[in-house]
Amino acid sequence: MKNILKYMLIILIVSCDTLIPEDLNINPNSPSEAPEDLVLTGSMVGTILFHEGATSRRAGIWSGYFRGTDRQHEGFDNYLVEASDFTAIWNDVFINSLRNAIVVEKKASLNDRSGVITGISKVIQAHGLGVAASLYGDIPFDQAGKIEFITPEFEDQDKVYEKVQELLTQAILELSLDINKPSNGSDIFFNGDSQKWIKVANSLKARFYMHTKKYDEAYNYAKLGIESPSESMMAVHGQVQGNSNLFYQFFTGSRGSELTSENSKIVQIIDDNSQIYRGNTKTDETARYNFYFSGSGRPNYISGYFSRSNSFPLVSYSENMLTLAESGLRSKNFYTGLSHLNEFRGYMSSGGYLNNGYDTLLMKYNPYIQSDFENGGIENVDNISKEDALLREILEERYITFYGQIEGFNDVRRTRNESYGIELLPNSGDKLPERFLYPQSEIDANPNTPSPIPGFFEPTRINR
């Protein structure tokens, strides 16, 4: 974080015409001068950069979603990483997203605008810090992103998760006031709709309780979370290069050939020509395969998931439903988990998140019944308990649904030591990646960086 004093940037990757009022004559790259509403937009764009950009691509390589085929990405595929590879993506969360969100909170409070705008800023902070903790382990929290702390102190990962939950609780209280909303258009996700932000905050609380395996709490908060696709927090994209899907920009750029999904785990699971295809008499993955891929596994950036204008999920209805399914099974009972899984399957049967005109006749997600998971059922040919068979199906569904998202990497690490998680084989050697490395910029400039520095294959505290 040594560059915080130099760079307090609002990185606008979307059209300025849609984000900046015409009569606003102000420098958008100076949070100390710009109004909090404009800085809020910058923090949201930073959030998109962090969750949809290089971080998600690398997490995808180490989750079985992608394979690196050339140059730097081939190195990542073979687990050849070094601290300098992580400097830019560390800045995506701690400067571009977090720092701007902190400025929003501070400026709004000084201007007696506590309420929705400060609540939103806290959701953004918690979102970034929670995911950063999942990737790096111990990270700065109390001193993170604050200009007065040039060398912020690191805090234990489990303590960070506790503080993230507290921050989300504060955010919900402020959002519930339903006063002091951001100016029209500055909130690029929900335009100041406090109720949708409250739903997102509860879904995030559920997500982070899943990370720490507190499944009863995860279920309780997911019940308060996102209840429809319209409440999902999505990175909305358009038809011009400046605001197009970030994966599309990568795949159509000069380095797009470095990354593919061919020969990846996810292709094997949903390709009906594969020996481990998950389809059965109640499930047909043809449409979803075509939405994700073209040919033998090339990511579909022409008409599918990574197409130019397709929105990218940050906190979604799909995630929340599948959190209810897994946490309901783990903390309640078989029937609770099955009910929520069937709710998700019903959503997918009508098209689900395959929103680019894919033929629903090629989709089949008929509801499961208990006997499907009992010995000899279509989801239990190896005669395990019905609870384990259902858990395996839910984890597999989460894995497929989280294609290209950071949460896939979190899930495979969280369940790696269980019998029925997604089984990945190392691309190289005999170990699987367990964390992102602390960036070289932090190692060089911050004496509070943990020492000894944990290695790439060393699990974080919550996954040991």
Protein backbone atom coordinates (compact mmCIF):
# COMPACT_ATOMS: atom_id res chain seq x y z
CA MET A 1 0.00 0.00 0.00
CA LYS A 2 2.98 2.30 -0.37
CA ASN A 3 1.30 4.02 -3.33
CA ILE A 4 -1.73 5.22 -1.37
CA LEU A 5 -0.19 8.66 -0.91
CA LYS A 6 0.40 8.95 -4.64
CA TYR A 7 -2.66 7.34 -6.08
CA MET A 8 -6.14 8.05 -4.78
CA LEU A 9 -7.75 7.35 -8.11
CA ILE A 10 -11.26 6.97 -9.39
CA ILE A 11 -10.83 4.55 -12.27
CA LEU A 12 -13.76 5.03 -14.62
CA ILE A 13 -14.07 2.11 -17.06
CA VAL A 14 -17.60 3.02 -18.06
CA SER A 15 -18.85 5.87 -20.17
CA CYS A 16 -18.38 9.23 -18.52
CA ASP A 17 -21.59 10.40 -20.19
CA THR A 18 -23.59 7.96 -18.06
CA LEU A 19 -21.78 8.54 -14.80
CA ILE A 20 -20.94 12.24 -14.54
CA PRO A 21 -23.62 14.95 -14.52
CA GLU A 22 -23.19 17.39 -17.39
CA ASP A 23 -23.00 20.42 -15.12
CA LEU A 24 -20.28 18.96 -12.90
CA ASN A 25 -17.03 20.80 -13.61
CA ILE A 26 -14.67 18.97 -11.34
CA ASN A 27 -11.67 16.69 -11.51
CA PRO A 28 -13.03 13.13 -11.05
CA ASN A 29 -9.57 11.75 -10.30
CA SER A 30 -9.17 13.64 -7.04
CA PRO A 31 -11.33 12.18 -4.26
CA SER A 32 -10.22 14.98 -1.93
CA GLU A 33 -11.87 17.50 -4.27
CA ALA A 34 -14.72 15.55 -5.82
CA PRO A 35 -18.10 15.25 -4.08
CA GLU A 36 -18.76 11.98 -2.31
CA ASP A 37 -21.35 10.97 -4.90
CA LEU A 38 -18.78 10.97 -7.68
CA VAL A 39 -16.19 9.22 -5.51
CA LEU A 40 -18.84 6.57 -4.81
CA THR A 41 -19.00 5.84 -8.53
CA GLY A 42 -15.23 5.44 -8.58
CA SER A 43 -15.29 2.97 -5.70
CA MET A 44 -17.92 0.91 -7.52
CA VAL A 45 -15.86 0.83 -10.69
CA GLY A 46 -12.89 -0.28 -8.55
CA THR A 47 -15.09 -3.05 -7.16
CA ILE A 48 -15.83 -4.25 -10.69
CA LEU A 49 -12.13 -4.19 -11.56
CA PHE A 50 -11.29 -6.29 -8.51
CA HIS A 51 -14.02 -8.92 -8.86
CA GLU A 52 -14.17 -9.23 -12.64
CA GLY A 53 -10.62 -8.47 -13.72
CA ALA A 54 -7.27 -10.18 -13.33
CA THR A 55 -8.05 -11.51 -9.85
CA SER A 56 -10.96 -13.59 -11.15
CA ARG A 57 -8.92 -14.89 -14.10
CA ARG A 58 -6.12 -16.13 -11.87
CA ALA A 59 -8.51 -17.59 -9.32
CA GLY A 60 -10.19 -19.31 -12.27
CA ILE A 61 -6.95 -20.96 -13.39
CA TRP A 62 -6.46 -22.33 -9.88
CA SER A 63 -10.09 -23.50 -9.65
CA GLY A 64 -10.19 -25.67 -12.76
CA TYR A 65 -12.14 -23.08 -14.78
CA PHE A 66 -9.33 -21.99 -17.12
CA ARG A 67 -6.01 -23.20 -18.45
CA GLY A 68 -3.14 -20.85 -19.19
CA THR A 69 -1.57 -21.69 -22.54
CA ASP A 70 1.11 -19.10 -23.22
CA ARG A 71 3.46 -16.56 -21.64
CA GLN A 72 2.46 -15.29 -18.19
CA HIS A 73 -0.74 -17.32 -17.99
CA GLU A 74 1.07 -20.52 -18.87
CA GLY A 75 3.29 -19.79 -15.88
CA PHE A 76 0.25 -19.30 -13.65
CA ASP A 77 -1.15 -22.58 -14.97
CA ASN A 78 2.05 -24.32 -13.85
CA TYR A 79 2.00 -22.50 -10.49
CA LEU A 80 5.04 -20.38 -11.35
CA VAL A 81 4.13 -17.29 -9.38
CA GLU A 82 6.07 -14.62 -7.55
CA ALA A 83 5.15 -11.72 -5.31
CA SER A 84 5.46 -9.12 -8.08
CA ASP A 85 2.59 -10.82 -9.94
CA PHE A 86 0.15 -9.65 -7.28
CA THR A 87 0.93 -5.95 -6.86
CA ALA A 88 -1.59 -4.59 -9.35
CA ILE A 89 -4.47 -6.79 -8.19
CA TRP A 90 -3.74 -5.94 -4.53
CA ASN A 91 -4.16 -2.29 -5.51
CA ASP A 92 -7.47 -3.06 -7.23
CA VAL A 93 -9.06 -3.82 -3.89
CA PHE A 94 -7.10 -1.70 -1.41
CA ILE A 95 -6.86 1.48 -3.47
CA ASN A 96 -9.31 1.51 -6.36
CA SER A 97 -12.23 0.11 -4.39
CA LEU A 98 -11.55 0.37 -0.64
CA ARG A 99 -9.74 3.72 -0.52
CA ASN A 100 -12.47 5.46 -2.51
CA ALA A 101 -15.23 3.89 -0.41
CA ILE A 102 -13.55 5.15 2.78
CA VAL A 103 -13.37 8.65 1.28
CA VAL A 104 -17.11 8.45 0.52
CA GLU A 105 -17.92 7.51 4.10
CA LYS A 106 -15.72 10.23 5.56
CA LYS A 107 -16.91 13.03 3.27
CA ALA A 108 -20.58 12.08 3.62
CA SER A 109 -20.30 11.99 7.42
CA LEU A 110 -18.62 15.41 7.49
CA ASN A 111 -21.45 16.75 5.33
CA ASP A 112 -24.12 15.31 7.69
CA ARG A 113 -25.22 12.77 5.08
CA SER A 114 -25.03 9.58 7.13
CA GLY A 115 -27.58 7.11 5.89
CA VAL A 116 -27.90 5.32 2.58
CA ILE A 117 -24.74 6.70 1.00
CA THR A 118 -22.57 5.79 4.00
CA GLY A 119 -24.29 2.40 4.26
CA ILE A 120 -23.47 1.68 0.61
CA SER A 121 -19.84 2.69 1.16
CA LYS A 122 -19.59 0.23 4.05
CA VAL A 123 -21.05 -2.60 1.97
CA ILE A 124 -18.40 -1.92 -0.67
CA GLN A 125 -15.66 -1.89 1.96
CA ALA A 126 -16.88 -5.14 3.52
CA HIS A 127 -17.27 -6.81 0.15
CA GLY A 128 -13.69 -6.06 -0.84
CA LEU A 129 -12.09 -6.78 2.52
CA GLY A 130 -13.96 -10.06 2.97
CA VAL A 131 -12.91 -11.38 -0.42
CA ALA A 132 -9.36 -10.09 0.05
CA ALA A 133 -9.16 -11.98 3.35
CA SER A 134 -10.36 -15.14 1.60
CA LEU A 135 -7.57 -14.85 -0.97
CA TYR A 136 -4.61 -13.58 1.05
CA GLY A 137 -5.35 -14.71 4.61
CA ASP A 138 -4.21 -12.11 7.16
CA ILE A 139 -4.68 -8.60 5.77
CA PRO A 140 -4.90 -5.01 7.05
CA PHE A 141 -8.38 -4.03 8.22
CA ASP A 142 -8.59 -1.17 10.74
CA GLN A 143 -5.77 0.73 9.02
CA ALA A 144 -6.40 -0.45 5.47
CA GLY A 145 -6.98 2.17 2.79
CA LYS A 146 -6.46 5.10 5.15
CA ILE A 147 -4.02 7.73 4.03
CA GLU A 148 -2.62 8.31 7.52
CA PHE A 149 -1.38 4.70 7.71
CA ILE A 150 1.41 4.25 5.19
CA THR A 151 2.41 0.87 6.65
CA PRO A 152 -0.88 -0.60 7.91
CA GLU A 153 -0.89 -3.42 10.42
CA PHE A 154 -2.08 -6.86 9.35
CA GLU A 155 -4.78 -8.65 11.34
CA ASP A 156 -5.57 -12.35 11.66
CA GLN A 157 -7.86 -13.67 8.93
CA ASP A 158 -10.50 -14.92 11.36
CA LYS A 159 -10.54 -11.54 13.13
CA VAL A 160 -10.94 -9.78 9.78
CA TYR A 161 -13.98 -11.92 9.03
CA GLU A 162 -15.50 -10.92 12.37
CA LYS A 163 -14.91 -7.25 11.61
CA VAL A 164 -16.34 -7.63 8.11
CA GLN A 165 -19.53 -8.99 9.68
CA GLU A 166 -19.64 -6.04 12.08
CA LEU A 167 -19.16 -3.62 9.19
CA LEU A 168 -22.03 -5.20 7.27
CA THR A 169 -24.25 -4.96 10.36
CA GLN A 170 -23.44 -1.23 10.59
CA ALA A 171 -24.16 -0.86 6.88
CA ILE A 172 -27.59 -2.47 7.23
CA LEU A 173 -28.49 -0.14 10.10
CA GLU A 174 -27.53 2.94 8.08
CA LEU A 175 -29.28 1.71 4.95
CA SER A 176 -32.42 1.07 7.00
CA LEU A 177 -32.63 4.82 7.77
CA ASP A 178 -33.50 5.35 4.08
CA ILE A 179 -32.23 8.93 4.14
CA ASN A 180 -29.35 10.77 2.44
CA LYS A 181 -29.27 8.75 -0.75
CA PRO A 182 -26.53 9.29 -3.33
CA SER A 183 -27.35 11.60 -6.21
CA ASN A 184 -29.23 10.15 -9.16
CA GLY A 185 -26.97 7.97 -11.32
CA SER A 186 -23.95 7.92 -9.02
CA ASP A 187 -24.86 4.47 -7.65
CA ILE A 188 -24.31 2.40 -10.79
CA PHE A 189 -25.68 -0.77 -9.21
CA PHE A 190 -29.05 0.15 -7.65
CA ASN A 191 -29.37 3.95 -7.97
CA GLY A 192 -29.70 4.37 -4.21
CA ASP A 193 -32.34 1.68 -3.60
CA SER A 194 -31.70 1.00 0.08
CA GLN A 195 -33.78 -2.20 0.19
CA LYS A 196 -31.75 -3.83 -2.56
CA TRP A 197 -28.53 -2.84 -0.83
CA ILE A 198 -29.80 -4.39 2.41
CA LYS A 199 -30.49 -7.63 0.55
CA VAL A 200 -26.96 -7.58 -0.89
CA ALA A 201 -25.48 -6.91 2.55
CA ASN A 202 -27.31 -9.91 4.01
CA SER A 203 -26.21 -12.13 1.13
CA LEU A 204 -22.63 -11.01 1.76
CA LYS A 205 -22.98 -11.85 5.43
CA ALA A 206 -24.16 -15.30 4.34
CA ARG A 207 -21.22 -15.63 1.93
CA PHE A 208 -18.63 -14.82 4.54
CA TYR A 209 -20.24 -17.14 7.10
CA MET A 210 -19.93 -19.84 4.44
CA HIS A 211 -16.21 -19.04 4.17
CA THR A 212 -15.80 -19.59 7.92
CA LYS A 213 -18.06 -22.68 7.91
CA LYS A 214 -20.65 -21.16 10.23
CA TYR A 215 -23.43 -22.71 8.24
CA ASP A 216 -26.29 -21.95 10.64
CA GLU A 217 -25.49 -18.22 10.46
CA ALA A 218 -25.06 -18.44 6.69
CA TYR A 219 -28.53 -19.90 6.34
CA ASN A 220 -30.14 -17.29 8.58
CA TYR A 221 -28.67 -14.38 6.65
CA ALA A 222 -29.24 -15.92 3.23
CA LYS A 223 -32.94 -16.07 4.16
CA LEU A 224 -32.74 -12.26 4.47
CA GLY A 225 -30.71 -11.90 1.29
CA ILE A 226 -31.35 -11.56 -2.43
CA GLU A 227 -34.75 -12.97 -3.39
CA SER A 228 -34.95 -12.30 -7.13
CA PRO A 229 -32.63 -11.75 -10.10
CA SER A 230 -33.51 -8.04 -10.11
CA GLU A 231 -31.87 -7.70 -6.70
CA SER A 232 -28.54 -9.16 -7.85
CA MET A 233 -25.50 -6.89 -7.72
CA MET A 234 -24.28 -7.07 -11.31
CA ALA A 235 -21.53 -5.32 -13.22
CA VAL A 236 -23.63 -4.03 -16.11
CA HIS A 237 -21.83 -3.68 -19.43
CA GLY A 238 -22.52 -2.14 -22.82
CA GLN A 239 -21.60 -2.22 -26.48
CA VAL A 240 -18.57 0.08 -26.53
CA GLN A 241 -15.07 -1.05 -25.64
CA GLY A 242 -14.83 1.26 -22.64
CA ASN A 243 -17.73 -0.32 -20.80
CA SER A 244 -17.74 -3.85 -22.21
CA ASN A 245 -17.41 -7.04 -20.18
CA LEU A 246 -13.87 -7.27 -18.78
CA PHE A 247 -13.46 -10.90 -19.83
CA TYR A 248 -14.56 -9.90 -23.32
CA GLN A 249 -11.93 -7.18 -23.35
CA PHE A 250 -9.31 -9.71 -22.33
CA PHE A 251 -10.30 -12.45 -24.77
CA THR A 252 -10.46 -10.02 -27.70
CA GLY A 253 -7.19 -8.31 -26.77
CA SER A 254 -3.64 -9.11 -27.71
CA ARG A 255 -3.28 -11.72 -24.95
CA GLY A 256 -6.66 -13.40 -25.25
CA SER A 257 -5.19 -16.60 -26.68
CA GLU A 258 -3.25 -17.14 -23.44
CA LEU A 259 -6.35 -18.34 -21.59
CA THR A 260 -8.87 -21.06 -22.45
CA SER A 261 -11.19 -23.52 -20.74
CA GLU A 262 -10.23 -26.41 -23.00
CA ASN A 263 -9.16 -29.48 -20.98
CA SER A 264 -10.45 -27.86 -17.79
CA LYS A 265 -12.42 -29.49 -15.00
CA ILE A 266 -15.62 -27.54 -15.65
CA VAL A 267 -15.73 -28.55 -19.32
CA GLN A 268 -15.43 -32.20 -18.32
CA ILE A 269 -18.38 -31.87 -15.96
CA ILE A 270 -20.87 -30.27 -18.37
CA ASP A 271 -19.73 -31.66 -21.74
CA ASP A 272 -22.08 -34.51 -22.65
CA ASN A 273 -19.20 -36.23 -24.44
CA SER A 274 -17.20 -36.46 -21.22
CA GLN A 275 -16.95 -39.59 -19.09
CA ILE A 276 -17.80 -37.54 -15.98
CA TYR A 277 -20.68 -35.56 -17.53
CA ARG A 278 -23.14 -34.66 -14.78
CA GLY A 279 -26.26 -34.92 -16.90
CA ASN A 280 -28.91 -37.56 -16.26
CA THR A 281 -32.58 -38.19 -17.01
CA LYS A 282 -33.46 -34.99 -15.11
CA THR A 283 -30.56 -32.77 -16.15
CA ASP A 284 -29.42 -31.58 -19.58
CA GLU A 285 -26.48 -29.18 -19.62
CA THR A 286 -26.39 -28.56 -23.39
CA ALA A 287 -27.62 -24.96 -23.22
CA ARG A 288 -25.36 -24.02 -20.34
CA TYR A 289 -22.37 -25.57 -22.09
CA ASN A 290 -23.11 -23.49 -25.19
CA PHE A 291 -23.56 -20.36 -23.05
CA TYR A 292 -20.17 -20.87 -21.41
CA PHE A 293 -18.16 -22.34 -24.27
CA SER A 294 -17.74 -22.62 -28.01
CA GLY A 295 -16.21 -25.67 -29.65
CA SER A 296 -14.25 -27.88 -27.30
CA GLY A 297 -14.07 -25.41 -24.46
CA ARG A 298 -13.06 -22.01 -25.76
CA PRO A 299 -14.77 -19.39 -23.55
CA ASN A 300 -17.83 -18.00 -25.38
CA TYR A 301 -17.21 -14.29 -25.76
CA ILE A 302 -19.22 -14.00 -29.00
CA SER A 303 -22.75 -14.71 -27.82
CA GLY A 304 -22.47 -16.17 -24.32
CA TYR A 305 -21.27 -15.62 -20.80
CA PHE A 306 -18.32 -13.42 -21.71
CA SER A 307 -19.93 -11.52 -24.59
CA ARG A 308 -19.38 -7.79 -24.92
CA SER A 309 -22.49 -6.53 -23.12
CA ASN A 310 -23.21 -9.45 -20.79
CA SER A 311 -23.42 -8.46 -17.13
CA PHE A 312 -21.07 -10.08 -14.66
CA PRO A 313 -22.34 -11.34 -11.25
CA LEU A 314 -20.81 -9.79 -8.14
CA VAL A 315 -23.40 -10.88 -5.55
CA SER A 316 -26.21 -12.80 -7.18
CA TYR A 317 -29.58 -14.44 -6.76
CA SER A 318 -28.03 -17.72 -7.93
CA GLU A 319 -25.33 -17.58 -5.27
CA ASN A 320 -27.83 -16.82 -2.53
CA MET A 321 -30.14 -19.69 -3.52
CA LEU A 322 -27.25 -22.14 -3.59
CA THR A 323 -26.02 -20.84 -0.24
CA LEU A 324 -29.47 -21.61 1.14
CA ALA A 325 -29.24 -25.10 -0.33
CA GLU A 326 -25.81 -25.96 1.06
CA SER A 327 -26.14 -24.25 4.44
CA GLY A 328 -29.70 -25.54 4.79
CA LEU A 329 -28.50 -29.10 4.28
CA ARG A 330 -25.56 -28.69 6.63
CA SER A 331 -27.34 -26.81 9.44
CA LYS A 332 -30.97 -27.98 9.08
CA ASN A 333 -31.69 -31.24 7.29
CA PHE A 334 -31.81 -33.08 3.98
CA TYR A 335 -35.25 -31.79 3.05
CA THR A 336 -34.32 -28.15 3.56
CA GLY A 337 -31.31 -28.51 1.31
CA LEU A 338 -33.27 -30.37 -1.36
CA SER A 339 -36.07 -27.80 -1.35
CA HIS A 340 -33.67 -24.93 -1.99
CA LEU A 341 -31.77 -26.88 -4.65
CA ASN A 342 -35.04 -27.54 -6.47
CA GLU A 343 -35.89 -23.86 -6.21
CA PHE A 344 -32.65 -23.10 -8.05
CA ARG A 345 -33.35 -25.82 -10.61
CA GLY A 346 -36.77 -24.33 -11.25
CA TYR A 347 -35.12 -20.98 -11.92
CA MET A 348 -32.69 -22.61 -14.34
CA SER A 349 -35.49 -24.51 -16.11
CA SER A 350 -36.99 -21.19 -17.17
CA GLY A 351 -33.67 -19.93 -18.54
CA GLY A 352 -31.99 -18.86 -15.31
CA TYR A 353 -29.00 -16.64 -15.84
CA LEU A 354 -28.55 -17.79 -19.46
CA ASN A 355 -29.82 -14.47 -20.70
CA ASN A 356 -28.59 -14.31 -24.27
CA GLY A 357 -31.43 -16.15 -25.96
CA TYR A 358 -30.33 -19.72 -25.36
CA ASP A 359 -33.00 -22.24 -26.29
CA THR A 360 -34.65 -23.47 -23.11
CA LEU A 361 -35.62 -26.63 -25.01
CA LEU A 362 -31.99 -27.59 -24.60
CA MET A 363 -32.28 -27.12 -20.84
CA LYS A 364 -33.62 -29.67 -18.41
CA TYR A 365 -33.46 -29.19 -14.67
CA ASN A 366 -36.40 -31.23 -13.42
CA PRO A 367 -36.92 -31.32 -9.65
CA TYR A 368 -35.18 -34.04 -7.67
CA ILE A 369 -36.92 -36.24 -5.12
CA GLN A 370 -35.52 -38.05 -2.11
CA SER A 371 -35.15 -41.39 -3.89
CA ASP A 372 -32.79 -39.80 -6.43
CA PHE A 373 -30.25 -39.49 -3.60
CA GLU A 374 -30.87 -42.81 -1.90
CA ASN A 375 -28.79 -45.90 -2.69
CA GLY A 376 -29.00 -46.67 -6.38
CA GLY A 377 -30.71 -43.37 -7.24
CA ILE A 378 -29.62 -41.33 -10.25
CA GLU A 379 -27.54 -39.11 -7.97
CA ASN A 380 -26.17 -41.91 -5.80
CA VAL A 381 -24.80 -44.74 -7.90
CA ASP A 382 -21.94 -45.29 -5.42
CA ASN A 383 -24.27 -45.90 -2.45
CA ILE A 384 -23.24 -43.16 -0.05
CA SER A 385 -25.67 -41.56 2.40
CA LYS A 386 -28.44 -39.49 0.86
CA GLU A 387 -27.13 -36.43 2.72
CA ASP A 388 -23.65 -36.82 1.21
CA ALA A 389 -25.12 -37.43 -2.23
CA LEU A 390 -27.15 -34.23 -1.99
CA LEU A 391 -24.14 -32.30 -0.71
CA ARG A 392 -22.09 -33.51 -3.64
CA GLU A 393 -24.76 -32.35 -6.08
CA ILE A 394 -25.07 -28.91 -4.44
CA LEU A 395 -21.30 -28.38 -4.41
CA GLU A 396 -21.11 -29.38 -8.05
CA GLU A 397 -23.91 -26.97 -8.93
CA ARG A 398 -22.18 -24.15 -7.06
CA TYR A 399 -18.95 -24.93 -8.88
CA ILE A 400 -20.58 -24.71 -12.30
CA THR A 401 -22.63 -21.63 -11.46
CA PHE A 402 -19.55 -19.77 -10.17
CA TYR A 403 -17.63 -20.22 -13.43
CA GLY A 404 -15.21 -17.30 -13.78
CA GLN A 405 -16.02 -15.95 -10.32
CA ILE A 406 -13.72 -15.74 -7.31
CA GLU A 407 -16.21 -17.68 -5.19
CA GLY A 408 -15.38 -20.84 -7.14
CA PHE A 409 -11.82 -20.67 -5.80
CA ASN A 410 -13.15 -20.10 -2.30
CA ASP A 411 -15.48 -23.08 -2.55
CA VAL A 412 -12.90 -25.59 -3.79
CA ARG A 413 -10.51 -24.63 -0.99
CA ARG A 414 -13.23 -24.63 1.69
CA THR A 415 -14.35 -28.15 0.81
CA ARG A 416 -11.02 -29.62 -0.30
CA ASN A 417 -10.63 -31.81 2.78
CA GLU A 418 -14.17 -33.15 2.57
CA SER A 419 -15.07 -36.37 0.80
CA TYR A 420 -17.49 -34.89 -1.72
CA GLY A 421 -16.10 -31.53 -2.79
CA ILE A 422 -14.91 -30.85 -6.33
CA GLU A 423 -11.87 -33.04 -6.92
CA LEU A 424 -9.12 -31.15 -8.72
CA LEU A 425 -5.81 -32.60 -9.82
CA PRO A 426 -2.73 -30.33 -9.78
CA ASN A 427 -1.71 -28.89 -13.13
CA SER A 428 1.88 -29.32 -12.01
CA GLY A 429 3.51 -31.16 -9.12
CA ASP A 430 1.47 -32.72 -6.33
CA LYS A 431 -0.04 -29.70 -4.53
CA LEU A 432 -2.91 -27.35 -5.27
CA PRO A 433 -2.81 -23.54 -4.81
CA GLU A 434 -4.17 -22.33 -1.50
CA ARG A 435 -3.79 -18.55 -1.51
CA PHE A 436 -2.69 -15.44 -3.36
CA LEU A 437 0.75 -14.12 -2.45
CA TYR A 438 1.36 -10.83 -0.69
CA PRO A 439 2.52 -8.36 -3.36
CA GLN A 440 6.12 -7.32 -3.71
CA SER A 441 5.13 -3.68 -3.15
CA GLU A 442 3.86 -4.58 0.32
CA ILE A 443 6.81 -6.82 1.18
CA ASP A 444 9.29 -4.08 0.22
CA ALA A 445 7.61 -1.13 1.91
CA ASN A 446 5.53 -2.43 4.82
CA PRO A 447 7.45 -3.92 7.76
CA ASN A 448 4.12 -5.20 9.13
CA THR A 449 3.76 -7.73 6.32
CA PRO A 450 3.60 -11.20 7.93
CA SER A 451 6.94 -12.94 8.34
CA PRO A 452 7.72 -15.61 7.41
CA ILE A 453 5.72 -14.91 4.27
CA PRO A 454 3.27 -17.78 3.67
CA GLY A 455 3.77 -19.79 0.51
CA PHE A 456 1.46 -20.35 -2.42
CA PHE A 457 0.54 -23.86 -1.26
CA GLU A 458 0.01 -23.00 2.42
CA PRO A 459 -3.69 -22.96 3.40
CA THR A 460 -5.09 -19.85 5.03
CA ARG A 461 -6.24 -20.08 8.66
CA ILE A 462 -9.88 -20.85 7.81
CA ASN A 463 -9.00 -23.66 5.40
CA ARG A 464 -6.45 -25.54 7.52
